[in-house]
Amino acid sequence: MHNNLSDALVRRVQSDPNFIELERKRNSLGISLAVLMLVIYYGYILMLAFAKPFLGTVVYGVVTLAFPIGMFVLLSAIVITGIYVNRANGEFDALTRKIVEANQ
């Protein structure tokens, strides 16, 4: 009986409009941010492979462009994580609460 109850609950939650919206928004955001990070990261790798003279341009003393651009890659990962966490703690948590309340 417990298994049937769980199956019924799963079906009810999966058909909840808030769950469908949550799943759509979460997947869309996750894919968008992952693609953005991949473009930034692989863009930097491609620059390392094919634009060495550009990255070797000295900007201050012995610091070349490769360093600030590499820092941008690292900082962009932090910012992208922050964007996801902000949406997860706000909009996604609110939708999750609605789902739980509607299916208790």
N, C-alpha and C. Protein backbone atom coordinates (compact mmCIF):
# COMPACT_ATOMS: atom_id res chain seq x y z
N MET A 1 0.81 -1.19 0.00
CA MET A 1 0.00 0.00 0.00
C MET A 1 0.85 1.26 0.00
N HIS A 2 1.95 1.26 0.74
CA HIS A 2 2.82 2.42 0.79
C HIS A 2 3.34 2.78 -0.59
N ASN A 3 3.69 1.78 -1.38
CA ASN A 3 4.20 2.03 -2.73
C ASN A 3 3.13 2.67 -3.61
N ASN A 4 1.88 2.20 -3.50
CA ASN A 4 0.80 2.78 -4.28
C ASN A 4 0.55 4.23 -3.88
N LEU A 5 0.63 4.51 -2.60
CA LEU A 5 0.47 5.88 -2.12
C LEU A 5 1.58 6.76 -2.68
N SER A 6 2.81 6.29 -2.67
CA SER A 6 3.93 7.05 -3.19
C SER A 6 3.78 7.28 -4.69
N ASP A 7 3.36 6.25 -5.42
CA ASP A 7 3.15 6.40 -6.87
C ASP A 7 2.07 7.42 -7.15
N ALA A 8 1.01 7.40 -6.38
CA ALA A 8 -0.08 8.37 -6.57
C ALA A 8 0.40 9.78 -6.27
N LEU A 9 1.20 9.93 -5.21
CA LEU A 9 1.73 11.24 -4.86
C LEU A 9 2.66 11.75 -5.96
N VAL A 10 3.51 10.88 -6.46
CA VAL A 10 4.43 11.26 -7.54
C VAL A 10 3.65 11.73 -8.76
N ARG A 11 2.63 10.99 -9.15
CA ARG A 11 1.82 11.38 -10.31
C ARG A 11 1.11 12.71 -10.07
N ARG A 12 0.60 12.91 -8.85
CA ARG A 12 -0.09 14.16 -8.52
C ARG A 12 0.87 15.34 -8.57
N VAL A 13 2.07 15.16 -8.00
CA VAL A 13 3.06 16.24 -8.02
C VAL A 13 3.50 16.53 -9.45
N GLN A 14 3.76 15.49 -10.23
CA GLN A 14 4.22 15.68 -11.60
C GLN A 14 3.17 16.36 -12.48
N SER A 15 1.91 16.24 -12.13
CA SER A 15 0.87 16.90 -12.93
C SER A 15 0.51 18.28 -12.38
N ASP A 16 1.09 18.67 -11.26
CA ASP A 16 0.84 19.99 -10.67
C ASP A 16 1.42 21.07 -11.59
N PRO A 17 0.61 22.09 -11.95
CA PRO A 17 1.10 23.16 -12.83
C PRO A 17 2.33 23.88 -12.27
N ASN A 18 2.41 24.02 -10.94
CA ASN A 18 3.58 24.65 -10.33
C ASN A 18 4.84 23.80 -10.53
N PHE A 19 4.68 22.47 -10.46
CA PHE A 19 5.82 21.59 -10.68
C PHE A 19 6.29 21.68 -12.12
N ILE A 20 5.35 21.70 -13.04
CA ILE A 20 5.69 21.80 -14.47
C ILE A 20 6.42 23.11 -14.74
N GLU A 21 5.92 24.19 -14.14
CA GLU A 21 6.58 25.50 -14.30
C GLU A 21 7.97 25.49 -13.68
N LEU A 22 8.09 24.93 -12.47
CA LEU A 22 9.38 24.85 -11.79
C LEU A 22 10.39 24.06 -12.64
N GLU A 23 9.98 22.92 -13.12
CA GLU A 23 10.87 22.08 -13.92
C GLU A 23 11.31 22.81 -15.20
N ARG A 24 10.36 23.48 -15.86
CA ARG A 24 10.68 24.20 -17.10
C ARG A 24 11.66 25.34 -16.83
N LYS A 25 11.38 26.15 -15.82
CA LYS A 25 12.25 27.28 -15.51
C LYS A 25 13.63 26.85 -15.03
N ARG A 26 13.66 25.83 -14.17
CA ARG A 26 14.95 25.35 -13.65
C ARG A 26 15.81 24.77 -14.76
N ASN A 27 15.20 23.97 -15.63
CA ASN A 27 15.96 23.38 -16.73
C ASN A 27 16.44 24.45 -17.71
N SER A 28 15.58 25.41 -18.01
CA SER A 28 15.95 26.48 -18.94
C SER A 28 17.12 27.30 -18.39
N LEU A 29 17.02 27.67 -17.13
CA LEU A 29 18.10 28.45 -16.52
C LEU A 29 19.39 27.64 -16.45
N GLY A 30 19.29 26.40 -16.03
CA GLY A 30 20.48 25.55 -15.92
C GLY A 30 21.19 25.37 -17.24
N ILE A 31 20.43 25.10 -18.29
CA ILE A 31 21.03 24.92 -19.62
C ILE A 31 21.64 26.22 -20.11
N SER A 32 20.93 27.34 -19.94
CA SER A 32 21.44 28.64 -20.39
C SER A 32 22.75 29.00 -19.69
N LEU A 33 22.79 28.83 -18.38
CA LEU A 33 24.00 29.18 -17.65
C LEU A 33 25.15 28.22 -17.96
N ALA A 34 24.84 26.96 -18.17
CA ALA A 34 25.88 25.99 -18.53
C ALA A 34 26.48 26.32 -19.89
N VAL A 35 25.63 26.66 -20.85
CA VAL A 35 26.12 27.02 -22.19
C VAL A 35 26.97 28.28 -22.10
N LEU A 36 26.50 29.27 -21.34
CA LEU A 36 27.28 30.50 -21.17
C LEU A 36 28.66 30.20 -20.59
N MET A 37 28.73 29.37 -19.55
CA MET A 37 30.01 29.04 -18.94
C MET A 37 30.90 28.28 -19.90
N LEU A 38 30.32 27.36 -20.66
CA LEU A 38 31.11 26.61 -21.65
C LEU A 38 31.68 27.54 -22.72
N VAL A 39 30.89 28.50 -23.18
CA VAL A 39 31.37 29.45 -24.18
C VAL A 39 32.53 30.27 -23.62
N ILE A 40 32.39 30.74 -22.39
CA ILE A 40 33.46 31.53 -21.77
C ILE A 40 34.72 30.68 -21.60
N TYR A 41 34.55 29.49 -21.03
CA TYR A 41 35.71 28.63 -20.76
C TYR A 41 36.40 28.19 -22.05
N TYR A 42 35.64 27.63 -22.97
CA TYR A 42 36.25 27.14 -24.21
C TYR A 42 36.72 28.29 -25.09
N GLY A 43 36.09 29.45 -24.97
CA GLY A 43 36.61 30.63 -25.68
C GLY A 43 38.02 30.96 -25.20
N TYR A 44 38.22 30.88 -23.90
CA TYR A 44 39.55 31.14 -23.34
C TYR A 44 40.54 30.08 -23.80
N ILE A 45 40.14 28.83 -23.77
CA ILE A 45 41.03 27.75 -24.23
C ILE A 45 41.39 27.93 -25.69
N LEU A 46 40.41 28.30 -26.52
CA LEU A 46 40.69 28.54 -27.94
C LEU A 46 41.63 29.73 -28.13
N MET A 47 41.47 30.74 -27.30
CA MET A 47 42.40 31.87 -27.37
C MET A 47 43.81 31.44 -26.98
N LEU A 48 43.91 30.58 -25.99
CA LEU A 48 45.23 30.08 -25.60
C LEU A 48 45.87 29.29 -26.74
N ALA A 49 45.05 28.58 -27.48
CA ALA A 49 45.57 27.76 -28.57
C ALA A 49 45.88 28.57 -29.83
N PHE A 50 45.03 29.56 -30.14
CA PHE A 50 45.15 30.21 -31.44
C PHE A 50 45.45 31.71 -31.40
N ALA A 51 45.46 32.32 -30.24
CA ALA A 51 45.70 33.76 -30.16
C ALA A 51 46.79 34.07 -29.14
N LYS A 52 47.84 33.29 -29.17
CA LYS A 52 48.92 33.49 -28.19
C LYS A 52 49.53 34.89 -28.26
N PRO A 53 49.76 35.45 -29.45
CA PRO A 53 50.32 36.80 -29.48
C PRO A 53 49.40 37.83 -28.80
N PHE A 54 48.10 37.70 -29.01
CA PHE A 54 47.14 38.61 -28.38
C PHE A 54 47.19 38.46 -26.86
N LEU A 55 47.14 37.22 -26.37
CA LEU A 55 47.17 36.99 -24.93
C LEU A 55 48.51 37.36 -24.32
N GLY A 56 49.56 37.39 -25.15
CA GLY A 56 50.89 37.76 -24.67
C GLY A 56 51.13 39.26 -24.62
N THR A 57 50.14 40.03 -25.02
CA THR A 57 50.27 41.48 -24.98
C THR A 57 50.42 41.95 -23.53
N VAL A 58 51.48 42.72 -23.29
CA VAL A 58 51.76 43.21 -21.93
C VAL A 58 50.82 44.37 -21.62
N VAL A 59 50.15 44.30 -20.47
CA VAL A 59 49.24 45.38 -20.07
C VAL A 59 49.81 46.22 -18.94
N TYR A 60 50.66 45.63 -18.11
CA TYR A 60 51.27 46.38 -17.01
C TYR A 60 52.47 45.59 -16.50
N GLY A 61 53.65 46.18 -16.60
CA GLY A 61 54.86 45.50 -16.12
C GLY A 61 55.06 44.19 -16.85
N VAL A 62 54.96 43.08 -16.12
CA VAL A 62 55.11 41.76 -16.72
C VAL A 62 53.76 41.03 -16.88
N VAL A 63 52.67 41.72 -16.57
CA VAL A 63 51.33 41.11 -16.65
C VAL A 63 50.84 41.19 -18.09
N THR A 64 50.45 40.03 -18.62
CA THR A 64 49.91 39.98 -19.97
C THR A 64 48.39 39.90 -19.93
N LEU A 65 47.76 40.05 -21.09
CA LEU A 65 46.31 39.97 -21.18
C LEU A 65 45.77 38.61 -20.72
N ALA A 66 46.58 37.58 -20.79
CA ALA A 66 46.11 36.25 -20.39
C ALA A 66 45.66 36.24 -18.93
N PHE A 67 46.33 37.00 -18.08
CA PHE A 67 45.98 36.99 -16.66
C PHE A 67 44.61 37.61 -16.38
N PRO A 68 44.33 38.85 -16.81
CA PRO A 68 43.00 39.39 -16.52
C PRO A 68 41.88 38.63 -17.22
N ILE A 69 42.14 38.12 -18.40
CA ILE A 69 41.10 37.33 -19.07
C ILE A 69 40.87 36.02 -18.33
N GLY A 70 41.94 35.40 -17.85
CA GLY A 70 41.80 34.18 -17.03
C GLY A 70 41.05 34.46 -15.74
N MET A 71 41.31 35.61 -15.14
CA MET A 71 40.57 35.99 -13.92
C MET A 71 39.09 36.19 -14.24
N PHE A 72 38.79 36.74 -15.42
CA PHE A 72 37.41 36.90 -15.85
C PHE A 72 36.71 35.54 -15.94
N VAL A 73 37.42 34.54 -16.46
CA VAL A 73 36.85 33.19 -16.56
C VAL A 73 36.49 32.68 -15.17
N LEU A 74 37.41 32.82 -14.23
CA LEU A 74 37.15 32.36 -12.87
C LEU A 74 36.01 33.14 -12.21
N LEU A 75 36.02 34.44 -12.33
CA LEU A 75 34.97 35.27 -11.72
C LEU A 75 33.61 35.02 -12.37
N SER A 76 33.61 34.73 -13.67
CA SER A 76 32.33 34.46 -14.33
C SER A 76 31.69 33.19 -13.77
N ALA A 77 32.50 32.21 -13.40
CA ALA A 77 31.96 30.99 -12.79
C ALA A 77 31.30 31.31 -11.45
N ILE A 78 31.91 32.20 -10.69
CA ILE A 78 31.34 32.59 -9.40
C ILE A 78 30.04 33.36 -9.61
N VAL A 79 30.03 34.28 -10.56
CA VAL A 79 28.82 35.07 -10.83
C VAL A 79 27.69 34.18 -11.34
N ILE A 80 28.00 33.26 -12.24
CA ILE A 80 26.99 32.35 -12.77
C ILE A 80 26.41 31.48 -11.65
N THR A 81 27.26 31.01 -10.76
CA THR A 81 26.78 30.25 -9.61
C THR A 81 25.86 31.11 -8.74
N GLY A 82 26.25 32.35 -8.52
CA GLY A 82 25.44 33.27 -7.74
C GLY A 82 24.07 33.52 -8.36
N ILE A 83 24.04 33.65 -9.68
CA ILE A 83 22.76 33.84 -10.38
C ILE A 83 21.85 32.64 -10.14
N TYR A 84 22.41 31.44 -10.28
CA TYR A 84 21.58 30.24 -10.08
C TYR A 84 21.09 30.15 -8.63
N VAL A 85 21.98 30.38 -7.69
CA VAL A 85 21.61 30.28 -6.27
C VAL A 85 20.54 31.32 -5.93
N ASN A 86 20.67 32.52 -6.46
CA ASN A 86 19.69 33.57 -6.20
C ASN A 86 18.31 33.16 -6.72
N ARG A 87 18.25 32.63 -7.93
CA ARG A 87 16.96 32.19 -8.47
C ARG A 87 16.43 30.98 -7.70
N ALA A 88 17.33 30.06 -7.33
CA ALA A 88 16.90 28.86 -6.60
C ALA A 88 16.34 29.23 -5.23
N ASN A 89 16.99 30.15 -4.54
CA ASN A 89 16.54 30.54 -3.21
C ASN A 89 15.31 31.44 -3.23
N GLY A 90 15.03 32.05 -4.35
CA GLY A 90 13.88 32.93 -4.46
C GLY A 90 12.73 32.26 -5.17
N GLU A 91 12.73 32.38 -6.46
CA GLU A 91 11.63 31.91 -7.30
C GLU A 91 11.42 30.40 -7.21
N PHE A 92 12.49 29.63 -7.27
CA PHE A 92 12.33 28.17 -7.26
C PHE A 92 11.85 27.66 -5.91
N ASP A 93 12.35 28.23 -4.82
CA ASP A 93 11.88 27.83 -3.49
C ASP A 93 10.41 28.18 -3.28
N ALA A 94 9.99 29.32 -3.82
CA ALA A 94 8.58 29.72 -3.69
C ALA A 94 7.68 28.73 -4.42
N LEU A 95 8.09 28.32 -5.62
CA LEU A 95 7.31 27.32 -6.36
C LEU A 95 7.31 25.98 -5.63
N THR A 96 8.43 25.61 -5.05
CA THR A 96 8.50 24.34 -4.31
C THR A 96 7.56 24.37 -3.12
N ARG A 97 7.51 25.49 -2.41
CA ARG A 97 6.57 25.61 -1.27
C ARG A 97 5.12 25.45 -1.74
N LYS A 98 4.79 26.06 -2.87
CA LYS A 98 3.42 25.93 -3.40
C LYS A 98 3.10 24.46 -3.72
N ILE A 99 4.07 23.76 -4.30
CA ILE A 99 3.88 22.35 -4.65
C ILE A 99 3.64 21.52 -3.39
N VAL A 100 4.47 21.74 -2.37
CA VAL A 100 4.36 20.98 -1.12
C VAL A 100 3.02 21.28 -0.45
N GLU A 101 2.65 22.53 -0.39
CA GLU A 101 1.38 22.90 0.25
C GLU A 101 0.17 22.30 -0.48
N ALA A 102 0.24 22.26 -1.78
CA ALA A 102 -0.89 21.75 -2.58
C ALA A 102 -0.97 20.23 -2.53
N ASN A 103 0.10 19.55 -2.15
CA ASN A 103 0.12 18.09 -2.23
C ASN A 103 0.37 17.42 -0.88
N GLN A 104 0.01 18.08 0.20
CA GLN A 104 0.19 17.47 1.53
C GLN A 104 -1.00 16.61 1.86
